[in-house]
């Protein structure tokens, strides 16, 4: 009896240490299961994140039914309890810190009195948003499934498309307070070992108190923090991630985020959409050219207008020059100030349309822009030509397949406008040189950002400026140095 009482006391002490580790947790439940009158099994769980009905049916009920047989055991340990628990996902562990982490992950712990080990059973609640069409990436032709906030579901969506034993998911736990589960995914027979190792090193080097979204990871592991251009692709589409893994990329999935990251990333991939590979090659090539043309329009049209109107009027045809001079006769601001007023106003309307409730947001973004633009022209604050340029530039920004790239375009656009307003075409030319130097200097996990243009790789042009038919794309892109060079 004394030995049994001592064991019970030791079990109570372990429970008390767990309570101290978790702090004030009203959802913490500790249910002792008496076995043989002396030995007890402690069932520990957090009711708010576990399936209580599952605990009762598949843990407590089997233990109560088997307590007669367990009472005759000379030494009761968690490994022995595992034989009576009909739950597939369970594991053995030890230590207060590991026990606390498992509880916070939605596990149910079975702790036997007098032992330091415990049995962990996965009974976490599976409340997640249903798989639906991606909100940020419109789909015309292709799968209409998007990632959700549950990491296990996102893994399943990728495995559904890549039924190969070479698909590897490496787990990480990041954040001293959030303990967020992060998975790194790659194909072991395709991805370059150096790229995989660099991803692993950077993820392991993250030191922070919390990870709430994949953007946290992106900011930690990207090469150039101060560059406006994205160095990792972010997507909600499982088919896009699967396609990148097949090319030797590495993906990062974060629990609680529907956005997956993939890298390395090159500049020309920013003009590529997953739907390019669901269309015929000629149609995909045309769409890619349209995106590149829209990129040029968005960053150069406003600055060219400012430079020509302010410093180089001789470049305009006479009739157009007379028309613009008549429009600007009553405008009290120089062209650069006029442009900044209009673009800043449009950015405010854009943000308001995004943050407002969905029903009112569309009306604010469209009607607000029309009303304010028309009123500004009639009041003489801006010219009609400037309204046309702002509208054309704004539409061009939306053509980008990646939202982050559209933001980068707007940043470059404002810089070029200021340079053109101060120094005219000379300032714009200086900005272009600096932009090219910046793009060439970027590396994405060791891969040149401007590849295959710099360095020159002619064999990779088949899926850069154009998209050739699939029978001509039998090899992997050289810039990613994949192990398996055959598609």
Protein backbone atom coordinates (compact mmCIF):
# COMPACT_ATOMS: atom_id res chain seq x y z
CA UNK A 1 0.00 0.00 0.00
CA UNK A 2 2.81 2.43 0.83
CA UNK A 3 4.41 1.82 -2.57
CA UNK A 4 1.08 2.43 -4.34
CA UNK A 5 0.46 5.62 -2.35
CA UNK A 6 3.95 6.87 -3.22
CA UNK A 7 3.29 6.20 -6.90
CA UNK A 8 0.01 8.10 -6.76
CA UNK A 9 1.79 10.99 -5.07
CA UNK A 10 4.45 10.99 -7.79
CA UNK A 11 1.71 11.07 -10.44
CA UNK A 12 0.03 14.00 -8.68
CA UNK A 13 3.34 15.87 -8.65
CA UNK A 14 3.76 15.34 -12.42
CA UNK A 15 0.26 16.73 -12.99
CA UNK A 16 1.04 19.75 -10.79
CA UNK A 17 4.24 20.46 -12.75
CA UNK A 18 2.23 20.34 -15.98
CA UNK A 19 -0.30 22.79 -14.54
CA UNK A 20 2.53 25.16 -13.63
CA UNK A 21 4.00 24.84 -17.14
CA UNK A 22 0.64 25.65 -18.79
CA UNK A 23 -0.27 28.47 -16.43
CA UNK A 24 -3.91 29.35 -15.80
CA UNK A 25 -5.81 27.12 -18.22
CA UNK A 26 -9.49 26.65 -17.37
CA UNK A 27 -9.81 24.12 -20.19
CA UNK A 28 -7.15 21.85 -18.70
CA UNK A 29 -8.70 18.55 -17.61
CA UNK A 30 -7.05 15.84 -15.51
CA UNK A 31 -9.12 12.71 -15.10
CA UNK A 32 -7.66 9.88 -12.98
CA UNK A 33 -8.62 6.34 -13.97
CA UNK A 34 -8.29 3.97 -10.95
CA UNK A 35 -6.85 0.57 -11.72
CA UNK A 36 -6.68 -2.08 -9.01
CA UNK A 37 -7.35 0.45 -6.27
CA UNK A 38 -3.73 1.56 -6.02
CA UNK A 39 -2.31 2.29 -9.46
CA UNK A 40 -3.91 5.18 -11.40
CA UNK A 41 -3.74 6.39 -14.98
CA UNK A 42 -4.04 10.13 -15.46
CA UNK A 43 -5.84 11.29 -18.63
CA UNK A 44 -4.78 14.87 -19.44
CA UNK A 45 -6.10 17.10 -22.22
CA UNK A 46 -7.20 20.64 -23.12
CA UNK A 47 -10.94 20.50 -23.77
CA UNK A 48 -10.97 23.54 -26.08
CA UNK A 49 -8.76 21.98 -28.78
CA UNK A 50 -9.54 18.27 -28.44
CA UNK A 51 -12.43 16.02 -29.39
CA UNK A 52 -13.87 15.21 -25.97
CA UNK A 53 -16.29 12.62 -27.37
CA UNK A 54 -13.38 10.79 -28.99
CA UNK A 55 -11.51 10.77 -25.67
CA UNK A 56 -14.47 9.21 -23.91
CA UNK A 57 -15.14 6.58 -26.58
CA UNK A 58 -11.63 5.57 -27.62
CA UNK A 59 -9.51 6.23 -24.51
CA UNK A 60 -11.47 6.29 -21.26
CA UNK A 61 -13.97 3.57 -22.15
CA UNK A 62 -11.32 1.00 -23.29
CA UNK A 63 -9.24 1.71 -20.18
CA UNK A 64 -12.20 1.17 -17.85
CA UNK A 65 -13.08 -2.05 -19.63
CA UNK A 66 -9.50 -3.32 -19.36
CA UNK A 67 -8.73 -2.22 -15.80
CA UNK A 68 -9.28 -5.73 -14.43
CA UNK A 69 -6.56 -7.10 -16.71
CA UNK A 70 -4.31 -4.08 -16.13
CA UNK A 71 -4.61 -4.45 -12.35
CA UNK A 72 -2.73 -7.76 -12.54
CA UNK A 73 0.23 -6.17 -14.36
CA UNK A 74 3.38 -6.14 -12.16
CA UNK A 75 4.55 -2.88 -13.77
CA UNK A 76 2.15 -0.59 -15.62
CA UNK A 77 3.79 1.71 -18.13
CA UNK A 78 2.44 3.89 -21.00
CA UNK A 79 3.71 1.48 -23.65
CA UNK A 80 1.52 -1.25 -22.16
CA UNK A 81 -1.51 1.05 -22.26
CA UNK A 82 -1.01 1.52 -26.00
CA UNK A 83 -2.29 -2.02 -26.62
CA UNK A 84 -5.74 -1.06 -25.33
CA UNK A 85 -6.16 2.32 -27.09
CA UNK A 86 -7.70 1.98 -30.61
CA UNK A 87 -6.23 5.23 -31.94
CA UNK A 88 -3.88 5.08 -34.92
CA UNK A 89 -1.76 8.16 -34.22
CA UNK A 90 -0.07 7.79 -30.85
CA UNK A 91 3.48 8.05 -29.58
CA UNK A 92 5.57 7.75 -26.43
CA UNK A 93 7.30 10.71 -24.84
CA UNK A 94 8.80 12.02 -21.66
CA UNK A 95 9.47 15.28 -19.84
CA UNK A 96 7.27 18.16 -18.72
CA UNK A 97 8.13 20.46 -21.65
CA UNK A 98 7.36 17.83 -24.26
CA UNK A 99 4.14 16.94 -22.47
CA UNK A 100 3.05 20.59 -22.41
CA UNK A 101 3.80 20.98 -26.12
CA UNK A 102 1.79 17.87 -26.98
CA UNK A 103 -1.15 19.14 -24.94
CA UNK A 104 -1.05 22.47 -26.77
CA UNK A 105 -1.04 20.56 -30.09
CA UNK A 106 -4.37 18.96 -29.19
CA UNK A 107 -3.03 15.66 -27.88
CA UNK A 108 -4.42 13.60 -25.01
CA UNK A 109 -1.75 12.33 -22.60
CA UNK A 110 -1.93 9.15 -20.57
CA UNK A 111 0.40 9.36 -17.61
CA UNK A 112 0.83 6.37 -15.31
CA UNK A 113 1.64 7.00 -11.67
CA UNK A 114 5.27 6.52 -10.78
CA UNK A 115 6.71 6.88 -14.31
CA UNK A 116 8.16 9.86 -16.15
CA UNK A 117 6.99 8.67 -19.59
CA UNK A 118 3.58 9.26 -21.14
CA UNK A 119 1.49 8.05 -24.07
CA UNK A 120 0.33 10.78 -26.45
CA UNK A 121 -2.84 10.19 -28.50
CA UNK A 122 -3.85 12.48 -31.37
CA UNK A 123 -7.40 13.70 -30.67
CA UNK A 124 -7.03 17.25 -31.97
CA UNK A 125 -10.11 18.99 -33.28
CA UNK A 126 -10.24 19.15 -37.07
CA UNK A 127 -12.24 22.35 -37.49
CA UNK A 128 -11.03 23.91 -40.72
CA UNK A 129 -12.43 25.79 -43.67
CA UNK A 130 -13.70 23.59 -46.49
CA UNK A 131 -11.50 23.28 -49.56
CA UNK A 132 -12.77 25.84 -52.07
CA UNK A 133 -11.65 27.94 -55.02
CA UNK A 134 -8.70 30.26 -54.20
CA UNK A 135 -9.80 33.78 -53.29
CA UNK A 136 -6.70 35.63 -54.53
CA UNK A 137 -6.04 33.66 -57.73
CA UNK A 138 -8.89 33.49 -60.20
CA UNK A 139 -9.14 30.18 -62.08
CA UNK A 140 -10.47 30.02 -65.65
CA UNK A 141 -9.19 26.62 -66.64
CA UNK A 142 -7.67 24.24 -64.12
CA UNK A 143 -8.29 22.77 -60.66
CA UNK A 144 -10.47 24.89 -58.41
CA UNK A 145 -9.03 23.64 -55.14
CA UNK A 146 -7.18 26.00 -52.85
CA UNK A 147 -5.13 25.57 -49.72
CA UNK A 148 -6.82 26.04 -46.35
CA UNK A 149 -5.52 26.92 -42.88
CA UNK A 150 -5.01 23.28 -41.85
CA UNK A 151 -1.54 21.91 -42.52
CA UNK A 152 -2.62 18.27 -42.83
CA UNK A 153 -5.23 19.13 -45.46
CA UNK A 154 -2.67 21.12 -47.46
CA UNK A 155 -0.27 18.18 -47.36
CA UNK A 156 -3.05 15.90 -48.61
CA UNK A 157 -3.80 18.26 -51.53
CA UNK A 158 -0.16 18.05 -52.64
CA UNK A 159 0.07 14.27 -52.16
CA UNK A 160 -3.11 13.93 -54.22
CA UNK A 161 -1.17 15.33 -57.19
CA UNK A 162 2.26 13.82 -56.52
CA UNK A 163 1.78 10.13 -55.79
CA UNK A 164 5.48 9.38 -55.45
CA UNK A 165 7.61 8.10 -52.55
CA UNK A 166 10.16 10.78 -53.44
CA UNK A 167 7.90 13.51 -52.04
CA UNK A 168 9.46 14.57 -48.73
CA UNK A 169 7.95 16.72 -45.97
CA UNK A 170 10.47 17.89 -43.37
CA UNK A 171 8.88 19.19 -40.16
CA UNK A 172 10.01 22.25 -38.18
CA UNK A 173 8.58 23.93 -35.09
CA UNK A 174 9.19 27.70 -35.07
CA UNK A 175 8.25 30.35 -32.51
CA UNK A 176 8.97 30.27 -28.81
CA UNK A 177 5.37 31.24 -28.01
CA UNK A 178 3.34 29.99 -30.98
CA UNK A 179 5.29 26.74 -31.65
CA UNK A 180 4.02 26.83 -35.24
CA UNK A 181 4.39 23.69 -37.33
CA UNK A 182 6.20 24.37 -40.60
CA UNK A 183 6.81 21.80 -43.34
CA UNK A 184 9.42 21.99 -46.08
CA UNK A 185 8.41 19.96 -49.15
CA UNK A 186 10.53 18.80 -52.08
CA UNK A 187 11.11 15.86 -54.41
CA UNK A 188 14.26 14.10 -53.25
CA UNK A 189 15.05 12.77 -56.75
CA UNK A 190 14.65 16.17 -58.45
CA UNK A 191 15.52 19.06 -56.08
CA UNK A 192 19.15 20.14 -55.86
CA UNK A 193 20.74 19.15 -52.54
CA UNK A 194 22.42 22.54 -52.17
CA UNK A 195 19.09 24.38 -52.54
CA UNK A 196 17.36 22.03 -50.10
CA UNK A 197 20.20 22.44 -47.61
CA UNK A 198 20.06 26.23 -47.89
CA UNK A 199 16.30 26.21 -47.27
CA UNK A 200 16.80 23.95 -44.25
CA UNK A 201 19.59 26.12 -42.84
CA UNK A 202 17.60 29.35 -43.15
CA UNK A 203 14.42 27.88 -41.64
CA UNK A 204 16.35 26.43 -38.71
CA UNK A 205 18.02 29.82 -38.18
CA UNK A 206 14.69 31.63 -37.64
CA UNK A 207 14.55 32.96 -34.08
CA UNK A 208 11.29 34.65 -33.16
CA UNK A 209 8.48 34.46 -30.63
CA UNK A 210 5.78 33.68 -33.15
CA UNK A 211 4.88 32.70 -36.72
CA UNK A 212 1.28 33.54 -37.63
CA UNK A 213 1.45 33.45 -41.44
CA UNK A 214 3.78 32.30 -44.19
CA UNK A 215 4.83 35.93 -44.79
CA UNK A 216 6.74 35.77 -41.48
CA UNK A 217 8.85 32.90 -42.85
CA UNK A 218 9.26 34.63 -46.21
CA UNK A 219 10.74 37.74 -44.62
CA UNK A 220 13.16 35.68 -42.54
CA UNK A 221 14.54 33.44 -45.29
CA UNK A 222 14.58 35.66 -48.40
CA UNK A 223 17.93 36.92 -49.70
CA UNK A 224 17.32 40.69 -49.96
CA UNK A 225 14.96 42.10 -47.34
CA UNK A 226 15.01 45.64 -48.76
CA UNK A 227 14.16 44.68 -52.34
CA UNK A 228 10.54 45.35 -53.39
CA UNK A 229 10.60 42.36 -55.76
CA UNK A 230 9.38 39.00 -54.39
CA UNK A 231 12.08 36.34 -54.11
CA UNK A 232 9.69 33.52 -53.18
CA UNK A 233 6.50 32.63 -54.99
CA UNK A 234 3.37 32.67 -52.82
CA UNK A 235 0.28 30.81 -53.97
CA UNK A 236 -2.99 29.30 -52.75
CA UNK A 237 -3.05 26.70 -55.52
CA UNK A 238 -1.89 23.12 -54.84
CA UNK A 239 -1.44 22.49 -58.58
CA UNK A 240 0.99 25.43 -58.78
CA UNK A 241 3.05 24.03 -55.87
CA UNK A 242 3.07 20.54 -57.41
CA UNK A 243 4.29 21.96 -60.72
CA UNK A 244 7.11 23.83 -59.01
CA UNK A 245 8.17 20.75 -57.05
CA UNK A 246 8.42 18.84 -60.33
CA UNK A 247 10.88 21.48 -61.58
CA UNK A 248 13.14 21.14 -58.54
CA UNK A 249 11.73 23.91 -56.36
CA UNK A 250 11.28 23.69 -52.60
CA UNK A 251 7.93 24.59 -50.98
CA UNK A 252 7.20 25.80 -47.45
CA UNK A 253 3.83 25.17 -45.77
CA UNK A 254 2.87 26.96 -42.55
CA UNK A 255 0.14 25.77 -40.22
CA UNK A 256 -2.65 28.36 -40.05
CA UNK A 257 -1.88 29.90 -43.45
CA UNK A 258 -3.52 29.11 -46.82
CA UNK A 259 -0.52 30.58 -48.68
CA UNK A 260 2.38 28.30 -49.60
CA UNK A 261 5.85 29.56 -50.47
CA UNK A 262 8.03 28.15 -53.24
CA UNK A 263 11.55 28.94 -54.35
CA UNK A 264 13.96 29.66 -55.85
CA UNK A 265 12.19 32.30 -57.93
CA UNK A 266 13.41 34.15 -61.02
CA UNK A 267 12.20 37.43 -62.47
CA UNK A 268 10.67 35.92 -65.61
CA UNK A 269 8.63 33.45 -63.55
CA UNK A 270 6.71 36.45 -62.19
CA UNK A 271 5.02 36.71 -65.61
CA UNK A 272 4.09 33.03 -65.65
CA UNK A 273 0.74 31.72 -64.45
CA UNK A 274 -0.21 28.09 -63.73
CA UNK A 275 -2.88 28.43 -66.39
CA UNK A 276 -0.20 28.97 -69.05
CA UNK A 277 0.31 25.21 -68.95
CA UNK A 278 -3.42 24.47 -69.27
CA UNK A 279 -3.65 26.44 -72.54
CA UNK A 280 -2.17 25.81 -75.95
CA UNK A 281 1.41 27.00 -76.34
CA UNK A 282 0.56 29.89 -78.71
CA UNK A 283 -2.20 31.22 -76.41
CA UNK A 284 0.07 30.94 -73.35
CA UNK A 285 2.83 32.83 -75.18
CA UNK A 286 0.44 35.63 -76.16
CA UNK A 287 -0.80 35.99 -72.57
CA UNK A 288 2.77 36.09 -71.28
CA UNK A 289 3.64 38.87 -73.75
CA UNK A 290 0.58 40.80 -72.61
CA UNK A 291 1.75 40.59 -68.98
CA UNK A 292 5.23 41.81 -69.92
CA UNK A 293 3.78 44.66 -71.97
CA UNK A 294 1.51 45.62 -69.05
CA UNK A 295 4.56 45.65 -66.74
CA UNK A 296 6.36 48.07 -69.08
CA UNK A 297 3.24 50.26 -69.30
CA UNK A 298 2.75 50.42 -65.54
CA UNK A 299 6.27 51.57 -64.67
CA UNK A 300 7.08 53.76 -67.70
CA UNK A 301 3.91 55.48 -68.95
CA UNK A 302 3.40 57.89 -65.98
CA UNK A 303 7.08 58.83 -65.81
CA UNK A 304 7.34 59.28 -69.58
CA UNK A 305 4.29 61.57 -69.55
CA UNK A 306 5.78 63.67 -66.72
CA UNK A 307 9.20 63.92 -68.39
CA UNK A 308 7.86 64.85 -71.82
CA UNK A 309 5.25 67.36 -70.61
CA UNK A 310 7.68 69.02 -68.18
CA UNK A 311 10.99 69.01 -70.10
CA UNK A 312 10.73 67.56 -73.60
CA UNK A 313 7.65 69.02 -75.27
CA UNK A 314 9.45 68.96 -78.63
CA UNK A 315 8.99 65.18 -78.74
CA UNK A 316 5.20 65.53 -79.04
CA UNK A 317 3.29 66.03 -82.32
CA UNK A 318 2.03 69.58 -82.72
CA UNK A 319 -1.68 68.76 -82.44
CA UNK A 320 -1.15 66.68 -79.30
CA UNK A 321 1.06 69.37 -77.77
CA UNK A 322 -1.61 72.03 -78.39
CA UNK A 323 -4.28 69.77 -76.85
CA UNK A 324 -2.21 69.07 -73.73
CA UNK A 325 -1.26 72.76 -73.38
CA UNK A 326 -4.94 73.72 -73.50
CA UNK A 327 -5.77 71.15 -70.81
CA UNK A 328 -2.91 72.26 -68.56
CA UNK A 329 -3.70 75.96 -68.90
CA UNK A 330 -5.93 76.00 -65.81
CA UNK A 331 -4.12 73.32 -63.78
CA UNK A 332 -2.22 75.02 -60.91
CA UNK A 333 0.28 72.17 -60.31
CA UNK A 334 3.29 70.90 -62.24
CA UNK A 335 2.86 67.54 -63.94
CA UNK A 336 4.73 65.57 -61.25
CA UNK A 337 2.56 66.97 -58.44
CA UNK A 338 -0.56 66.37 -60.51
CA UNK A 339 0.47 62.75 -61.08
CA UNK A 340 1.33 62.16 -57.42
CA UNK A 341 -2.04 63.54 -56.30
CA UNK A 342 -3.93 61.26 -58.68
CA UNK A 343 -1.90 58.11 -57.95
CA UNK A 344 -1.99 58.58 -54.19
CA UNK A 345 -5.76 59.16 -54.37
CA UNK A 346 -6.16 55.99 -56.41
CA UNK A 347 -4.02 54.00 -53.94
CA UNK A 348 -6.24 55.22 -51.09
CA UNK A 349 -9.33 54.13 -53.01
CA UNK A 350 -7.72 50.77 -53.77
CA UNK A 351 -6.93 50.12 -50.10
CA UNK A 352 -10.40 51.26 -49.06
CA UNK A 353 -11.94 48.85 -51.55
CA UNK A 354 -9.86 45.99 -50.12
CA UNK A 355 -10.56 46.73 -46.43
CA UNK A 356 -14.21 47.69 -46.64
CA UNK A 357 -16.95 45.04 -46.48
CA UNK A 358 -17.15 43.18 -49.78
CA UNK A 359 -20.55 44.63 -50.75
CA UNK A 360 -19.48 48.25 -50.26
CA UNK A 361 -15.86 47.80 -51.31
CA UNK A 362 -16.52 47.34 -55.01
CA UNK A 363 -18.71 50.43 -55.14
CA UNK A 364 -16.05 52.54 -53.41
CA UNK A 365 -13.20 51.38 -55.65
CA UNK A 366 -15.04 51.81 -58.97
CA UNK A 367 -17.65 54.54 -58.41
CA UNK A 368 -15.32 56.49 -56.14
CA UNK A 369 -12.58 56.57 -58.77
CA UNK A 370 -15.00 57.69 -61.50
CA UNK A 371 -16.64 60.38 -59.38
CA UNK A 372 -13.40 61.79 -57.97
CA UNK A 373 -11.66 61.68 -61.36
CA UNK A 374 -14.49 63.50 -63.12
CA UNK A 375 -14.79 66.07 -60.33
CA UNK A 376 -11.04 66.70 -60.33
CA UNK A 377 -11.03 67.36 -64.08
CA UNK A 378 -14.02 69.71 -63.89
CA UNK A 379 -12.48 71.58 -60.94
CA UNK A 380 -9.22 72.09 -62.85
CA UNK A 381 -7.01 70.15 -60.43
CA UNK A 382 -5.88 67.59 -63.03
CA UNK A 383 -6.08 67.13 -66.77
CA UNK A 384 -8.16 64.54 -68.58
CA UNK A 385 -4.94 63.07 -70.02
CA UNK A 386 -3.67 62.37 -66.50
CA UNK A 387 -6.90 60.55 -65.60
CA UNK A 388 -6.45 58.35 -68.68
CA UNK A 389 -2.84 57.57 -67.73
CA UNK A 390 -3.75 56.74 -64.13
CA UNK A 391 -6.54 54.41 -65.27
CA UNK A 392 -4.34 52.66 -67.83
CA UNK A 393 -1.55 52.19 -65.29
CA UNK A 394 -3.89 50.88 -62.60
CA UNK A 395 -5.40 48.31 -64.96
CA UNK A 396 -1.92 47.20 -66.03
CA UNK A 397 -0.95 46.57 -62.39
CA UNK A 398 -3.78 44.08 -61.97
CA UNK A 399 -2.57 41.84 -64.82
CA UNK A 400 0.30 40.49 -62.70
CA UNK A 401 -0.35 36.85 -61.66
CA UNK A 402 1.28 37.50 -58.27
CA UNK A 403 -0.10 40.17 -55.93
CA UNK A 404 3.33 40.94 -54.44
CA UNK A 405 4.75 41.67 -57.88
CA UNK A 406 1.98 44.21 -58.49
CA UNK A 407 3.03 46.06 -55.32
CA UNK A 408 6.66 46.06 -56.51
CA UNK A 409 5.54 47.61 -59.80
CA UNK A 410 3.80 50.44 -57.96
CA UNK A 411 6.88 51.16 -55.86
CA UNK A 412 9.11 51.34 -58.95
CA UNK A 413 6.45 53.45 -60.67
CA UNK A 414 6.53 56.11 -57.91
CA UNK A 415 10.34 56.22 -57.93
CA UNK A 416 10.44 56.68 -61.71
CA UNK A 417 7.81 59.44 -61.50
CA UNK A 418 9.92 61.40 -59.01
CA UNK A 419 13.08 60.96 -61.11
CA UNK A 420 11.25 62.09 -64.25
CA UNK A 421 9.79 65.10 -62.43
CA UNK A 422 13.24 66.22 -61.22
CA UNK A 423 15.54 65.36 -64.16
CA UNK A 424 13.28 64.45 -67.08
CA UNK A 425 14.28 61.64 -69.42
CA UNK A 426 17.83 61.66 -68.04
CA UNK A 427 16.52 60.87 -64.56
CA UNK A 428 14.28 58.15 -65.98
CA UNK A 429 17.24 56.60 -67.79
CA UNK A 430 19.29 56.66 -64.58
CA UNK A 431 16.42 54.89 -62.80
CA UNK A 432 16.32 52.18 -65.49
CA UNK A 433 20.06 51.54 -65.09
CA UNK A 434 19.74 51.29 -61.30
CA UNK A 435 16.75 48.96 -61.67
CA UNK A 436 18.69 46.61 -63.97
CA UNK A 437 21.70 46.63 -61.64
CA UNK A 438 19.44 45.81 -58.69
CA UNK A 439 17.70 42.96 -60.51
CA UNK A 440 20.98 41.43 -61.66
CA UNK A 441 22.40 41.58 -58.11
CA UNK A 442 19.54 39.58 -56.55
CA UNK A 443 19.98 35.89 -55.81
CA UNK A 444 17.18 33.58 -54.75
CA UNK A 445 18.74 30.71 -52.79
CA UNK A 446 21.82 30.82 -54.98
CA UNK A 447 19.91 31.13 -58.28
CA UNK A 448 20.41 34.27 -60.40
CA UNK A 449 17.24 36.34 -60.36
CA UNK A 450 17.55 37.35 -64.04
CA UNK A 451 18.30 33.83 -65.31
CA UNK A 452 18.18 32.68 -68.07
CA UNK A 453 18.97 36.17 -69.45
CA UNK A 454 21.82 36.91 -67.03
CA UNK A 455 23.66 34.58 -67.06
CA UNK A 456 22.67 33.62 -70.59
CA UNK A 457 21.09 30.16 -70.85
CA UNK A 458 19.58 29.87 -74.36
CA UNK A 459 18.20 26.37 -73.69
CA UNK A 460 15.87 27.81 -71.01
CA UNK A 461 14.30 30.41 -73.31
CA UNK A 462 11.74 27.76 -74.35
CA UNK A 463 9.72 28.57 -71.21
CA UNK A 464 10.62 32.21 -70.56
CA UNK A 465 9.64 34.79 -73.17
CA UNK A 466 7.66 32.11 -74.98
CA UNK A 467 6.08 28.82 -73.99
CA UNK A 468 6.89 26.10 -76.49
CA UNK A 469 4.75 22.97 -76.90
CA UNK A 470 5.40 20.28 -74.31
CA UNK A 471 7.17 17.91 -76.70
CA UNK A 472 9.97 20.51 -77.01
CA UNK A 473 10.31 20.97 -73.23
CA UNK A 474 11.80 17.61 -72.27
CA UNK A 475 14.53 18.97 -70.01
CA UNK A 476 14.36 20.76 -66.64
CA UNK A 477 15.35 24.46 -66.41
CA UNK A 478 19.14 24.65 -66.11
CA UNK A 479 19.12 27.51 -63.59
CA UNK A 480 17.65 25.28 -60.86
CA UNK A 481 20.30 22.53 -61.35
CA UNK A 482 17.82 19.72 -60.75
CA UNK A 483 19.16 16.20 -60.18
CA UNK A 484 16.86 14.68 -62.76
CA UNK A 485 17.17 16.73 -65.93
CA UNK A 486 14.41 14.83 -67.79
CA UNK A 487 10.79 15.81 -67.31
